[in-house]
Amino acid sequence: MANIKFVKENREAIAADGANLRLKALENGLDLYKTWGKMTNCGGYGQCGTCIVEIVAGMENLSPRTQTEQRKLKKKPDNYRLACQTLVNGPVSVKTKP
């Protein structure tokens, strides 16, 4: 089991190992998208890049960056991830809408 702490919202979610970060956030009523992203997000397919999150702690408990993330996040810090492409395998702390 993995605990996901959403720092800005001061909330925690519990997920099975291998759970998708975007889905767990949405299942727990957390908003990942800024205003424009709410209207233009791709629904979790990694095409739009609007579900960017900042990993505060626990990077070692996440799946490696996908090729899609490499393209979309090439000018972003290494601790930025696309929530839709990220699988959680242990405790992690996340900042939404960095």
Protein backbone atom coordinates (compact mmCIF):
# COMPACT_ATOMS: atom_id res chain seq x y z
CA MET A 1 0.00 0.00 0.00
CA ALA A 2 1.11 3.55 -0.72
CA ASN A 3 0.24 6.75 1.11
CA ILE A 4 -0.03 9.76 -1.16
CA LYS A 5 0.17 13.10 0.64
CA PHE A 6 -1.19 16.09 -1.25
CA VAL A 7 0.73 18.96 0.35
CA LYS A 8 -1.28 22.05 -0.71
CA GLU A 9 -4.59 20.42 0.13
CA ASN A 10 -3.30 18.85 3.38
CA ARG A 11 -4.96 15.55 2.43
CA GLU A 12 -3.81 11.97 2.16
CA ALA A 13 -4.96 9.12 -0.05
CA ILE A 14 -4.18 5.44 0.27
CA ALA A 15 -3.47 3.53 -2.91
CA ALA A 16 -2.52 0.03 -3.90
CA ASP A 17 1.00 -0.33 -5.27
CA GLY A 18 1.01 0.52 -8.97
CA ALA A 19 -1.92 2.94 -8.72
CA ASN A 20 -2.11 5.82 -11.18
CA LEU A 21 -1.48 9.17 -9.47
CA ARG A 22 -4.02 11.12 -11.56
CA LEU A 23 -6.81 8.63 -10.90
CA LYS A 24 -6.14 8.55 -7.16
CA ALA A 25 -6.20 12.35 -6.99
CA LEU A 26 -9.49 12.57 -8.90
CA GLU A 27 -11.05 9.71 -6.89
CA ASN A 28 -10.29 11.69 -3.74
CA GLY A 29 -11.83 14.92 -5.07
CA LEU A 30 -8.54 16.73 -5.68
CA ASP A 31 -8.27 19.16 -8.57
CA LEU A 32 -5.10 18.70 -10.64
CA TYR A 33 -5.91 21.24 -13.34
CA LYS A 34 -5.51 24.98 -13.60
CA THR A 35 -8.33 26.89 -15.29
CA TRP A 36 -7.30 26.23 -18.90
CA GLY A 37 -6.44 22.58 -18.16
CA LYS A 38 -9.95 21.91 -16.85
CA MET A 39 -11.30 22.56 -20.32
CA THR A 40 -8.50 21.14 -22.44
CA ASN A 41 -7.18 18.09 -20.57
CA CYS A 42 -6.84 14.87 -22.55
CA GLY A 43 -8.44 12.63 -19.94
CA GLY A 44 -5.25 10.97 -18.80
CA TYR A 45 -3.55 9.93 -22.03
CA GLY A 46 -0.42 12.06 -21.62
CA GLN A 47 -1.13 14.21 -24.66
CA CYS A 48 -1.88 17.61 -23.13
CA GLY A 49 0.61 17.96 -20.27
CA THR A 50 -1.88 19.78 -18.02
CA CYS A 51 -1.72 17.39 -15.03
CA ILE A 52 1.79 18.42 -13.99
CA VAL A 53 2.60 17.83 -10.33
CA GLU A 54 5.71 18.46 -8.26
CA ILE A 55 7.04 15.53 -6.25
CA VAL A 56 8.20 16.86 -2.88
CA ALA A 57 9.30 13.52 -1.42
CA GLY A 58 9.28 9.87 -2.46
CA MET A 59 10.58 10.07 -6.05
CA GLU A 60 12.15 6.64 -5.52
CA ASN A 61 8.63 5.21 -5.03
CA LEU A 62 7.39 6.25 -8.46
CA SER A 63 7.61 4.62 -11.85
CA PRO A 64 10.35 6.04 -14.13
CA ARG A 65 9.42 8.92 -16.43
CA THR A 66 7.77 7.68 -19.62
CA GLN A 67 8.84 8.81 -23.09
CA THR A 68 5.76 11.03 -23.14
CA GLU A 69 6.92 12.71 -19.93
CA GLN A 70 10.44 13.10 -21.31
CA ARG A 71 8.98 15.08 -24.22
CA LYS A 72 6.42 17.12 -22.29
CA LEU A 73 8.65 17.92 -19.30
CA LYS A 74 12.07 18.38 -20.93
CA LYS A 75 12.34 22.01 -19.71
CA LYS A 76 10.90 21.28 -16.24
CA PRO A 77 12.77 20.18 -13.10
CA ASP A 78 13.38 16.45 -12.62
CA ASN A 79 10.86 16.31 -9.76
CA TYR A 80 7.97 17.38 -12.03
CA ARG A 81 5.78 14.56 -13.34
CA LEU A 82 2.61 14.11 -15.35
CA ALA A 83 0.15 12.61 -12.88
CA CYS A 84 -1.52 10.58 -15.63
CA GLN A 85 1.75 8.82 -16.48
CA THR A 86 2.94 8.24 -12.90
CA LEU A 87 2.47 4.99 -11.00
CA VAL A 88 2.85 5.05 -7.22
CA ASN A 89 4.65 2.18 -5.46
CA GLY A 90 5.20 3.64 -1.98
CA PRO A 91 4.83 6.78 0.14
CA VAL A 92 5.00 10.04 -1.79
CA SER A 93 4.30 13.75 -1.19
CA VAL A 94 2.88 15.74 -4.09
CA LYS A 95 2.20 19.43 -4.82
CA THR A 96 -0.60 19.95 -7.31
CA LYS A 97 -0.53 22.81 -9.82
CA PRO A 98 3.13 23.81 -9.29
